[in-house]
Amino acid sequence: MLKNFWYAVEFSEAVGRRPRKVTCLGQDFVLWRRRDGQVACLSDLCVHRGGALSLGTVIEDRVVCPYHGWEYEPDGGCVKIPANPPGRGIPKKARIDSYPVVEKYGMVWTFLGDLPEEERPPIPHIPQHDDPAFRVIHWETTLEANYERALENVVDAAHTPFVHGTAFGNPDKPEIPDYEITQTDWYAEADILLNPPPPKGLWGMLAKARIDPVIVTNGWYLPNIVKLHVRLPFGDLILYDFNIPVSQNRTHVKILGYRNFFTGKWADANAAKRITRIFEQDRLVVESQRPELLPFDLSAELHLRSDALQVSYRRRRQQLIDRGWWVGGDDIVTGDVPRREATVIASPARRDNPDLARAWVHKTRGESRNEPAHSAE
């Protein structure tokens, strides 16, 4: 899993004044909307006794721990400890990680890493979102598989005739012509020629009798987004697939589905039904892939020219691993009785406040009270 990126962790419409738990990169976070409408994001772990802030409440702009009532500002600082008598100060260590938040494209994005603002990779551009010709739907599910397997599945054009043979692919014409990749440091995409079967049902009403080969644009956007642009005979369908790493072997998938045909609300259910059908065909294959995690060694799996997009992702991933952006042992807090692990991604405030960088202690579930808690770094 890669840190130091903006992750879209929730649909904006799902975040309100009540604390909401989300999980990404193995770490739990709490989101809530402040009085000015801005969203705040903290680590979902009270520094006092490890209570889940997402089970608490919001007072003004502060989230309140349900265990002992400690109140935290959006910047992570504790400003009230009810058990303290009047005049007693609040320890400097009474603070938790706060993460930058941006709302864009109907999603809540939070930066999971400690890079300063000027060094952070960009949020991908989604031009269809502000185009009045397109209508968008939101769709989500949970996949019991690693997010990189899910990501590579979408950019893999060669599986289409077999996994989606009756819905999207054509098993009678499975060839994938060679294609060229357009790539930057943060994304790669390619136009790929496919031979789809004739559309059926509602969409088939708009299709011409003869179905010619279509150009499908597949692409990946770091750290976890894939794009699928299908040029149908009667319009464009563009899916942006956010593969949120809940853990190494579980992925929460959120999809923004754009279309410039049948743009009335009445067609949303049909569009969602088609996304569900395609995804469920993928699910069985992706959840059964072995090894479960993407190999680090490029030679560990056989690659063909039709796998060029996946290979480009793996090579770029290795460059970022070499840069130190992989979530590894330094991001894991471990308890010993019984052995439990939790991920703690260092926030930008740790870099901004060196004196406090090692002050925020996190206890994991199951850790003995007699054992020293491990630092978050």
Protein backbone atom coordinates (compact mmCIF):
# COMPACT_ATOMS: atom_id res chain seq x y z
CA MET A 1 0.00 0.00 0.00
CA LEU A 2 1.27 3.45 -0.91
CA LYS A 3 1.27 6.47 1.40
CA ASN A 4 1.90 10.14 0.59
CA PHE A 5 -1.13 10.38 -1.71
CA TRP A 6 -4.59 11.91 -1.69
CA TYR A 7 -7.14 9.14 -1.11
CA ALA A 8 -10.85 9.56 -1.83
CA VAL A 9 -12.21 7.81 1.25
CA GLU A 10 -15.93 8.63 1.17
CA PHE A 11 -18.72 10.19 -0.88
CA SER A 12 -19.33 13.78 0.24
CA GLU A 13 -23.03 13.12 0.68
CA ALA A 14 -22.26 10.52 3.38
CA VAL A 15 -20.41 12.94 5.69
CA GLY A 16 -22.43 15.15 8.02
CA ARG A 17 -22.31 16.47 11.55
CA ARG A 18 -22.18 13.02 13.11
CA PRO A 19 -18.73 11.37 13.33
CA ARG A 20 -18.20 8.82 10.57
CA LYS A 21 -15.58 6.08 10.54
CA VAL A 22 -13.66 5.22 7.37
CA THR A 23 -10.73 2.86 6.93
CA CYS A 24 -7.85 3.21 4.48
CA LEU A 25 -4.31 1.78 4.40
CA GLY A 26 -5.26 -0.35 7.39
CA GLN A 27 -5.92 2.69 9.60
CA ASP A 28 -9.25 3.92 10.97
CA PHE A 29 -10.14 7.59 10.56
CA VAL A 30 -13.01 9.73 11.77
CA LEU A 31 -14.67 12.29 9.50
CA TRP A 32 -17.17 14.98 10.42
CA ARG A 33 -18.45 18.21 8.90
CA ARG A 34 -17.68 21.45 10.70
CA ARG A 35 -20.17 24.28 11.06
CA ASP A 36 -18.67 26.05 8.01
CA GLY A 37 -19.28 22.94 5.92
CA GLN A 38 -15.64 21.86 5.75
CA VAL A 39 -14.80 18.23 6.52
CA ALA A 40 -12.27 17.33 9.22
CA CYS A 41 -10.29 14.08 9.38
CA LEU A 42 -8.49 12.67 12.44
CA SER A 43 -7.08 9.31 13.38
CA ASP A 44 -10.00 7.44 14.95
CA LEU A 45 -8.15 6.77 18.19
CA CYS A 46 -8.28 8.85 21.36
CA VAL A 47 -4.76 9.21 22.74
CA HIS A 48 -5.99 8.69 26.33
CA ARG A 49 -7.31 5.10 26.35
CA GLY A 50 -7.79 4.31 22.70
CA GLY A 51 -11.50 5.04 22.42
CA ALA A 52 -12.98 5.23 18.91
CA LEU A 53 -13.86 8.86 18.27
CA SER A 54 -16.26 7.78 15.53
CA LEU A 55 -18.53 6.46 18.29
CA GLY A 56 -18.64 9.88 19.94
CA THR A 57 -20.39 13.14 19.18
CA VAL A 58 -19.62 16.57 17.73
CA ILE A 59 -19.83 19.75 19.82
CA GLU A 60 -19.46 22.92 17.74
CA ASP A 61 -16.45 21.94 15.59
CA ARG A 62 -14.92 19.45 18.03
CA VAL A 63 -15.22 15.67 18.09
CA VAL A 64 -15.83 14.21 21.57
CA CYS A 65 -14.49 10.84 22.69
CA PRO A 66 -17.33 8.59 23.95
CA TYR A 67 -15.15 7.09 26.70
CA HIS A 68 -13.96 10.02 28.85
CA GLY A 69 -15.30 13.03 26.97
CA TRP A 70 -11.99 14.39 25.71
CA GLU A 71 -12.65 17.01 23.02
CA TYR A 72 -10.45 17.37 19.95
CA GLU A 73 -10.26 20.25 17.50
CA PRO A 74 -9.97 19.51 13.75
CA ASP A 75 -6.20 20.11 14.02
CA GLY A 76 -5.93 17.13 16.39
CA GLY A 77 -5.28 19.08 19.57
CA CYS A 78 -7.22 18.20 22.72
CA VAL A 79 -8.85 21.27 24.22
CA LYS A 80 -10.94 19.78 27.03
CA ILE A 81 -10.43 16.97 29.56
CA PRO A 82 -13.57 16.80 31.74
CA ALA A 83 -11.80 14.86 34.52
CA ASN A 84 -9.34 17.69 35.09
CA PRO A 85 -10.22 20.10 37.94
CA PRO A 86 -10.37 23.84 37.11
CA GLY A 87 -6.97 25.36 36.40
CA ARG A 88 -5.23 22.15 35.45
CA GLY A 89 -3.58 22.35 32.04
CA ILE A 90 -3.81 19.95 29.13
CA PRO A 91 -0.64 17.97 28.33
CA LYS A 92 1.10 18.84 25.06
CA LYS A 93 1.01 15.17 24.16
CA ALA A 94 -2.79 15.20 24.24
CA ARG A 95 -3.23 15.35 20.48
CA ILE A 96 -3.77 12.99 17.58
CA ASP A 97 -2.97 12.95 13.88
CA SER A 98 -4.97 15.37 11.72
CA TYR A 99 -4.98 14.92 7.94
CA PRO A 100 -5.56 17.50 5.17
CA VAL A 101 -8.98 17.25 3.49
CA VAL A 102 -10.29 18.41 0.11
CA GLU A 103 -13.76 17.86 -1.36
CA LYS A 104 -13.76 17.36 -5.10
CA TYR A 105 -15.91 15.47 -7.60
CA GLY A 106 -18.40 14.58 -4.90
CA MET A 107 -15.72 12.78 -2.89
CA VAL A 108 -13.90 13.49 0.38
CA TRP A 109 -10.15 13.27 -0.24
CA THR A 110 -7.66 13.10 2.61
CA PHE A 111 -3.89 13.23 2.30
CA LEU A 112 -2.37 10.18 3.98
CA GLY A 113 1.25 11.00 4.54
CA ASP A 114 3.50 13.67 5.98
CA LEU A 115 4.72 15.44 2.84
CA PRO A 116 4.52 19.25 2.85
CA GLU A 117 1.85 20.71 0.58
CA GLU A 118 4.18 21.69 -2.25
CA GLU A 119 5.51 18.12 -2.56
CA ARG A 120 2.20 16.26 -2.65
CA PRO A 121 1.09 14.45 -5.82
CA PRO A 122 -2.01 15.94 -7.49
CA ILE A 123 -5.59 14.78 -7.23
CA PRO A 124 -6.54 13.26 -10.61
CA HIS A 125 -8.56 15.44 -12.99
CA ILE A 126 -12.09 14.24 -13.82
CA PRO A 127 -13.32 16.55 -16.61
CA GLN A 128 -16.73 14.90 -16.94
CA HIS A 129 -17.78 16.01 -13.48
CA ASP A 130 -18.32 19.65 -14.48
CA ASP A 131 -19.61 18.84 -17.96
CA PRO A 132 -23.42 19.37 -18.06
CA ALA A 133 -23.69 16.77 -20.82
CA PHE A 134 -22.88 14.02 -18.31
CA ARG A 135 -24.86 12.53 -15.45
CA VAL A 136 -23.10 10.72 -12.60
CA ILE A 137 -24.17 7.92 -10.28
CA HIS A 138 -22.45 6.65 -7.14
CA TRP A 139 -21.92 2.92 -6.64
CA GLU A 140 -20.00 0.96 -4.01
CA THR A 141 -19.23 -2.50 -2.68
CA THR A 142 -16.58 -4.41 -0.70
CA LEU A 143 -14.17 -6.82 -2.35
CA GLU A 144 -12.34 -9.54 -0.42
CA ALA A 145 -9.11 -9.03 -2.31
CA ASN A 146 -6.06 -6.78 -2.43
CA TYR A 147 -6.68 -3.36 -3.96
CA GLU A 148 -3.87 -3.75 -6.51
CA ARG A 149 -5.43 -6.91 -7.87
CA ALA A 150 -8.68 -4.98 -8.22
CA LEU A 151 -6.89 -2.07 -9.89
CA GLU A 152 -5.07 -4.23 -12.41
CA ASN A 153 -8.24 -6.12 -13.26
CA VAL A 154 -9.90 -2.98 -14.63
CA VAL A 155 -6.98 -1.96 -16.87
CA ASP A 156 -6.62 -5.54 -18.14
CA ALA A 157 -8.41 -5.50 -21.50
CA ALA A 158 -7.52 -9.11 -22.32
CA HIS A 159 -9.85 -10.56 -19.68
CA THR A 160 -12.91 -8.84 -21.14
CA PRO A 161 -13.91 -11.46 -23.77
CA PHE A 162 -13.81 -14.24 -21.20
CA VAL A 163 -15.01 -12.80 -17.89
CA HIS A 164 -17.55 -10.48 -19.57
CA GLY A 165 -18.18 -12.53 -22.72
CA THR A 166 -21.93 -11.97 -22.94
CA ALA A 167 -22.14 -8.48 -21.47
CA PHE A 168 -19.12 -6.47 -22.55
CA GLY A 169 -16.55 -8.69 -24.22
CA ASN A 170 -16.70 -10.89 -27.30
CA PRO A 171 -15.17 -14.38 -26.95
CA ASP A 172 -15.30 -14.81 -30.73
CA LYS A 173 -12.88 -11.88 -31.16
CA PRO A 174 -10.50 -11.92 -28.14
CA GLU A 175 -7.43 -10.40 -29.84
CA ILE A 176 -5.95 -7.24 -28.30
CA PRO A 177 -4.04 -5.16 -30.87
CA ASP A 178 -0.82 -3.54 -29.69
CA TYR A 179 -1.44 -0.15 -28.11
CA GLU A 180 0.58 2.86 -27.02
CA ILE A 181 0.58 4.21 -23.48
CA THR A 182 0.45 7.87 -22.51
CA GLN A 183 2.13 8.19 -19.12
CA THR A 184 3.26 10.75 -16.55
CA ASP A 185 4.57 10.28 -13.03
CA TRP A 186 1.04 9.91 -11.70
CA TYR A 187 -1.08 8.23 -14.35
CA ALA A 188 -1.03 6.09 -17.48
CA GLU A 189 -3.74 5.37 -20.04
CA ALA A 190 -4.15 3.79 -23.45
CA ASP A 191 -6.75 3.57 -26.21
CA ILE A 192 -7.47 -0.10 -26.86
CA LEU A 193 -9.51 -1.53 -29.74
CA LEU A 194 -12.14 -4.06 -28.63
CA ASN A 195 -14.94 -5.97 -30.37
CA PRO A 196 -17.99 -5.88 -28.12
CA PRO A 197 -21.14 -7.94 -28.60
CA PRO A 198 -24.36 -6.14 -29.57
CA PRO A 199 -25.90 -4.33 -26.58
CA LYS A 200 -29.18 -5.65 -25.22
CA GLY A 201 -32.16 -4.28 -23.34
CA LEU A 202 -32.57 -0.53 -22.88
CA TRP A 203 -29.17 0.29 -24.36
CA GLY A 204 -29.80 -1.96 -27.35
CA MET A 205 -32.71 0.27 -28.38
CA LEU A 206 -30.20 3.00 -29.30
CA ALA A 207 -27.62 0.81 -31.02
CA LYS A 208 -27.34 0.46 -34.76
CA ALA A 209 -27.77 -2.99 -36.26
CA ARG A 210 -24.07 -3.44 -37.07
CA ILE A 211 -21.63 -3.11 -34.18
CA ASP A 212 -18.15 -2.01 -35.20
CA PRO A 213 -15.03 -2.30 -33.06
CA VAL A 214 -14.94 0.34 -30.35
CA ILE A 215 -12.10 2.24 -28.72
CA VAL A 216 -11.95 1.72 -24.97
CA THR A 217 -9.66 3.91 -22.90
CA ASN A 218 -8.20 2.12 -19.89
CA GLY A 219 -6.01 3.91 -17.37
CA TRP A 220 -4.63 3.98 -13.85
CA TYR A 221 -4.19 7.01 -11.61
CA LEU A 222 -1.97 6.72 -8.55
CA PRO A 223 -2.44 5.57 -5.93
CA ASN A 224 -5.59 3.46 -6.40
CA ILE A 225 -7.87 4.78 -9.15
CA VAL A 226 -8.69 3.22 -12.51
CA LYS A 227 -10.55 4.72 -15.44
CA LEU A 228 -12.65 2.87 -18.00
CA HIS A 229 -14.01 4.91 -20.91
CA VAL A 230 -16.29 2.96 -23.23
CA ARG A 231 -17.36 4.66 -26.47
CA LEU A 232 -20.72 3.10 -27.21
CA PRO A 233 -22.52 3.63 -30.53
CA PHE A 234 -24.92 5.99 -28.78
CA GLY A 235 -22.73 7.75 -26.23
CA ASP A 236 -19.92 7.61 -23.70
CA LEU A 237 -19.76 5.66 -20.45
CA ILE A 238 -16.85 6.62 -18.18
CA LEU A 239 -16.22 4.86 -14.88
CA TYR A 240 -13.74 6.03 -12.26
CA ASP A 241 -13.10 3.18 -9.89
CA PHE A 242 -11.65 4.05 -6.44
CA ASN A 243 -10.09 0.97 -4.85
CA ILE A 244 -9.73 1.90 -1.19
CA PRO A 245 -7.33 -0.43 0.68
CA VAL A 246 -9.15 -1.33 3.89
CA SER A 247 -6.44 -3.91 4.64
CA GLN A 248 -4.03 -6.05 2.65
CA ASN A 249 -6.83 -8.42 1.65
CA ARG A 250 -9.95 -6.25 1.65
CA THR A 251 -10.88 -3.38 -0.67
CA HIS A 252 -13.78 -0.98 -0.48
CA VAL A 253 -14.70 0.00 -4.03
CA LYS A 254 -16.44 3.28 -4.81
CA ILE A 255 -17.34 4.15 -8.40
CA LEU A 256 -18.25 7.41 -10.09
CA GLY A 257 -20.18 6.41 -13.22
CA TYR A 258 -20.64 9.11 -15.89
CA ARG A 259 -22.83 8.83 -19.00
CA ASN A 260 -23.96 11.31 -21.67
CA PHE A 261 -26.95 9.28 -22.83
CA PHE A 262 -30.20 8.52 -21.01
CA THR A 263 -29.26 11.38 -18.68
CA GLY A 264 -32.54 11.46 -16.81
CA LYS A 265 -32.73 10.30 -13.21
CA TRP A 266 -35.11 7.55 -14.35
CA ALA A 267 -32.15 5.71 -15.99
CA ASP A 268 -29.88 5.71 -12.91
CA ALA A 269 -31.14 2.35 -11.66
CA ASN A 270 -30.46 0.75 -15.04
CA ALA A 271 -26.93 2.19 -15.12
CA ALA A 272 -26.26 0.91 -11.59
CA LYS A 273 -27.62 -2.52 -12.55
CA ARG A 274 -25.16 -2.75 -15.42
CA ILE A 275 -22.21 -1.72 -13.23
CA THR A 276 -23.26 -4.35 -10.69
CA ARG A 277 -23.47 -7.04 -13.34
CA ILE A 278 -20.01 -6.28 -14.71
CA PHE A 279 -18.45 -6.03 -11.25
CA GLU A 280 -19.94 -9.28 -10.00
CA GLN A 281 -18.47 -11.07 -13.00
CA ASP A 282 -15.06 -9.71 -11.98
CA ARG A 283 -15.49 -10.46 -8.29
CA LEU A 284 -15.27 -14.24 -8.53
CA VAL A 285 -12.03 -14.08 -10.49
CA VAL A 286 -10.30 -11.33 -8.51
CA GLU A 287 -11.15 -12.80 -5.10
CA SER A 288 -9.68 -16.15 -6.19
CA GLN A 289 -6.37 -14.85 -7.60
CA ARG A 290 -3.12 -16.20 -6.18
CA PRO A 291 -0.87 -14.94 -4.83
CA GLU A 292 -3.26 -12.60 -3.08
CA LEU A 293 -0.76 -9.73 -3.13
CA LEU A 294 0.89 -8.32 -6.23
CA PRO A 295 4.45 -9.67 -6.49
CA PHE A 296 7.25 -7.14 -6.03
CA ASP A 297 9.43 -8.96 -8.57
CA LEU A 298 8.25 -8.16 -12.09
CA SER A 299 9.53 -11.52 -13.31
CA ALA A 300 7.39 -13.43 -10.80
CA GLU A 301 4.47 -13.41 -13.26
CA LEU A 302 4.44 -13.82 -17.04
CA HIS A 303 3.63 -10.63 -19.01
CA LEU A 304 2.51 -10.15 -22.61
CA ARG A 305 2.20 -7.03 -24.76
CA SER A 306 -1.49 -6.87 -23.85
CA ASP A 307 -0.39 -6.44 -20.20
CA ALA A 308 1.54 -3.23 -20.90
CA LEU A 309 -0.65 -1.04 -18.67
CA GLN A 310 -0.24 -3.37 -15.71
CA VAL A 311 3.51 -3.53 -16.27
CA SER A 312 3.72 0.26 -16.35
CA TYR A 313 1.91 0.40 -13.00
CA ARG A 314 4.22 -2.15 -11.40
CA ARG A 315 7.33 -0.35 -12.58
CA ARG A 316 6.12 2.99 -11.26
CA ARG A 317 5.08 1.36 -7.98
CA GLN A 318 8.60 -0.01 -7.55
CA GLN A 319 10.05 3.47 -8.03
CA LEU A 320 7.83 4.79 -5.23
CA ILE A 321 8.70 1.85 -3.00
CA ASP A 322 12.37 2.70 -3.52
CA ARG A 323 11.50 6.29 -2.53
CA GLY A 324 10.12 5.04 0.80
CA TRP A 325 6.41 5.52 0.08
CA TRP A 326 5.39 1.93 0.79
CA VAL A 327 3.43 1.33 3.99
CA GLY A 328 5.80 -0.89 5.94
CA GLY A 329 6.92 -1.84 9.43
CA ASP A 330 7.49 1.75 10.54
CA ASP A 331 3.77 2.40 10.06
CA ILE A 332 2.60 -0.58 12.12
CA VAL A 333 1.89 -0.46 15.85
CA THR A 334 1.96 -3.87 17.51
CA GLY A 335 0.50 -5.12 20.77
CA ASP A 336 1.72 -8.38 22.31
CA VAL A 337 -1.12 -9.89 24.37
CA PRO A 338 -2.50 -11.16 22.07
CA ARG A 339 -0.49 -9.98 19.09
CA ARG A 340 -2.48 -7.30 17.22
CA GLU A 341 -1.48 -4.80 14.59
CA ALA A 342 -2.81 -1.41 13.56
CA THR A 343 -1.52 1.03 10.97
CA VAL A 344 -0.66 4.61 11.88
CA ILE A 345 0.22 6.88 8.97
CA ALA A 346 2.25 9.89 10.09
CA SER A 347 0.44 13.17 9.37
CA PRO A 348 1.99 16.45 8.14
CA ALA A 349 1.78 17.85 11.69
CA ARG A 350 4.53 15.45 12.78
CA ARG A 351 6.90 17.10 10.33
CA ASP A 352 5.69 20.57 11.37
CA ASN A 353 6.15 19.84 15.11
CA PRO A 354 9.40 17.85 15.59
CA ASP A 355 9.12 18.03 19.37
CA LEU A 356 5.81 16.20 19.22
CA ALA A 357 6.64 13.78 16.41
CA ARG A 358 7.09 10.88 18.82
CA ALA A 359 4.67 12.05 21.46
CA TRP A 360 1.46 10.58 20.11
CA VAL A 361 1.18 7.11 21.57
CA HIS A 362 -1.36 4.63 20.19
CA LYS A 363 -2.54 1.47 21.93
CA THR A 364 -3.82 -1.36 19.77
CA ARG A 365 -6.66 -3.69 20.65
CA GLY A 366 -5.46 -6.50 22.88
CA GLU A 367 -2.31 -4.78 24.12
CA SER A 368 -1.50 -5.50 27.74
CA ARG A 369 -1.81 -2.57 30.17
CA ASN A 370 1.51 -3.72 31.64
CA GLU A 371 3.38 -3.38 28.37
CA PRO A 372 4.69 -0.02 27.13
CA ALA A 373 2.70 1.39 24.24
CA HIS A 374 4.54 1.67 20.97
CA SER A 375 5.24 5.01 19.40
CA ALA A 376 3.38 5.79 16.21
CA GLU A 377 6.66 6.25 14.39
